[in-house]
């Protein structure tokens, strides 16, 4: 349903834009087509796109990961985080901060030891 409403709004936008363009070419009144096209572009279409993403996200919550996989490319990263299929980078860094710190310290210590021993690197 959401997808159909989005496609309908996009078709209406295209039709109104065409009427506006043609009216401008003929220097006649467009019958409010330009205003409708603008409203569709700025308000309705973005909201309908959000509705489609939200509906798809809700639908995918009920599918096994294998069945959901073909549809994941349609979602934005924040949708994947909401589904639990992707971890925010900040959350991952905070969770692994000690490991990252120890890895960096070990690398620096190794480089200093090699330099102290005079081993070329």
Protein backbone atom coordinates (compact mmCIF):
# COMPACT_ATOMS: atom_id res chain seq x y z
CA UNK A 1 0.00 0.00 0.00
CA UNK A 2 2.76 2.45 0.97
CA UNK A 3 4.70 1.66 -2.17
CA UNK A 4 1.61 2.23 -4.32
CA UNK A 5 0.95 5.59 -2.68
CA UNK A 6 4.58 6.62 -3.28
CA UNK A 7 4.45 5.61 -6.94
CA UNK A 8 1.15 7.45 -7.35
CA UNK A 9 2.57 10.61 -5.79
CA UNK A 10 5.64 10.46 -8.03
CA UNK A 11 3.43 10.02 -11.11
CA UNK A 12 1.28 12.96 -10.02
CA UNK A 13 4.40 15.05 -9.47
CA UNK A 14 5.67 14.24 -12.95
CA UNK A 15 2.29 15.05 -14.52
CA UNK A 16 1.98 18.35 -12.65
CA UNK A 17 5.57 19.27 -13.50
CA UNK A 18 4.88 18.59 -17.19
CA UNK A 19 1.73 20.74 -17.11
CA UNK A 20 3.66 23.55 -15.38
CA UNK A 21 6.50 23.39 -17.92
CA UNK A 22 4.12 23.39 -20.87
CA UNK A 23 2.05 26.26 -19.41
CA UNK A 24 5.25 28.27 -18.92
CA UNK A 25 6.23 27.63 -22.54
CA UNK A 26 2.83 28.86 -23.72
CA UNK A 27 2.78 31.69 -21.16
CA UNK A 28 -0.61 30.61 -19.81
CA UNK A 29 -1.92 29.89 -16.32
CA UNK A 30 -0.94 26.40 -15.15
CA UNK A 31 -4.12 25.81 -13.15
CA UNK A 32 -2.14 25.46 -9.90
CA UNK A 33 -0.11 22.51 -11.26
CA UNK A 34 3.18 24.12 -10.25
CA UNK A 35 2.09 24.56 -6.65
CA UNK A 36 0.85 20.97 -6.49
CA UNK A 37 4.11 19.67 -7.99
CA UNK A 38 6.12 21.65 -5.44
CA UNK A 39 4.03 20.40 -2.51
CA UNK A 40 4.34 16.82 -3.69
CA UNK A 41 8.11 17.14 -4.10
CA UNK A 42 8.80 18.90 -0.80
CA UNK A 43 6.25 17.33 1.55
CA UNK A 44 4.31 14.30 0.40
CA UNK A 45 6.98 12.32 -1.46
CA UNK A 46 9.60 12.55 1.33
CA UNK A 47 6.99 11.45 3.89
CA UNK A 48 5.82 8.59 1.69
CA UNK A 49 9.46 7.47 1.24
CA UNK A 50 9.82 7.38 5.03
CA UNK A 51 6.61 5.36 5.26
CA UNK A 52 7.91 2.81 2.75
CA UNK A 53 11.21 2.46 4.62
CA UNK A 54 9.38 2.11 7.93
CA UNK A 55 6.98 -0.51 6.57
CA UNK A 56 9.82 -2.47 5.00
CA UNK A 57 11.81 -2.33 8.23
CA UNK A 58 8.81 -3.59 10.21
CA UNK A 59 8.20 -6.38 7.69
CA UNK A 60 11.83 -7.50 7.78
CA UNK A 61 11.70 -7.80 11.57
CA UNK A 62 9.49 -10.86 11.10
CA UNK A 63 11.65 -12.64 8.53
CA UNK A 64 14.61 -14.93 9.16
CA UNK A 65 17.92 -13.29 8.19
CA UNK A 66 18.24 -15.49 5.09
CA UNK A 67 14.86 -14.36 3.74
CA UNK A 68 15.46 -10.72 4.65
CA UNK A 69 18.91 -10.58 2.99
CA UNK A 70 17.74 -9.66 -0.57
CA UNK A 71 15.91 -6.59 0.76
CA UNK A 72 18.61 -5.17 3.03
CA UNK A 73 20.22 -3.14 0.25
CA UNK A 74 17.00 -1.09 0.07
CA UNK A 75 17.54 0.20 3.60
CA UNK A 76 19.76 2.92 4.98
CA UNK A 77 22.43 2.14 7.60
CA UNK A 78 20.28 3.53 10.42
CA UNK A 79 17.50 1.11 9.43
CA UNK A 80 19.94 -1.78 9.63
CA UNK A 81 20.98 -0.61 13.11
CA UNK A 82 17.31 -0.52 14.12
CA UNK A 83 16.93 -4.10 12.89
CA UNK A 84 19.98 -5.19 14.85
CA UNK A 85 21.77 -6.22 11.67
CA UNK A 86 24.43 -3.54 11.94
CA UNK A 87 26.16 -1.96 14.90
CA UNK A 88 26.80 1.76 15.07
CA UNK A 89 30.52 2.46 14.70
CA UNK A 90 30.49 4.55 17.90
CA UNK A 91 28.93 1.67 19.85
CA UNK A 92 31.45 -0.78 18.41
CA UNK A 93 34.39 1.49 19.30
CA UNK A 94 33.12 2.02 22.86
CA UNK A 95 32.64 -1.73 23.31
CA UNK A 96 36.13 -2.51 22.02
CA UNK A 97 37.99 0.55 23.34
CA UNK A 98 40.23 -1.44 25.70
CA UNK A 99 41.18 -3.88 22.93
CA UNK A 100 41.90 -1.01 20.53
CA UNK A 101 44.03 0.75 23.14
CA UNK A 102 46.01 -2.39 23.93
CA UNK A 103 46.58 -3.06 20.22
CA UNK A 104 47.89 0.46 19.66
CA UNK A 105 50.11 0.27 22.76
CA UNK A 106 51.52 -3.09 21.67
CA UNK A 107 52.27 -1.80 18.18
CA UNK A 108 54.03 1.31 19.54
CA UNK A 109 55.96 -0.76 22.08
CA UNK A 110 57.04 -3.17 19.35
CA UNK A 111 58.24 -0.34 17.12
CA UNK A 112 60.15 1.26 20.03
CA UNK A 113 61.76 -2.07 20.92
CA UNK A 114 62.88 -2.59 17.32
CA UNK A 115 64.28 0.92 17.20
CA UNK A 116 66.08 0.42 20.54
CA UNK A 117 67.59 -2.84 19.28
CA UNK A 118 68.66 -1.09 16.08
CA UNK A 119 66.64 -3.39 13.82
CA UNK A 120 65.67 -1.59 10.60
CA UNK A 121 61.94 -1.40 9.98
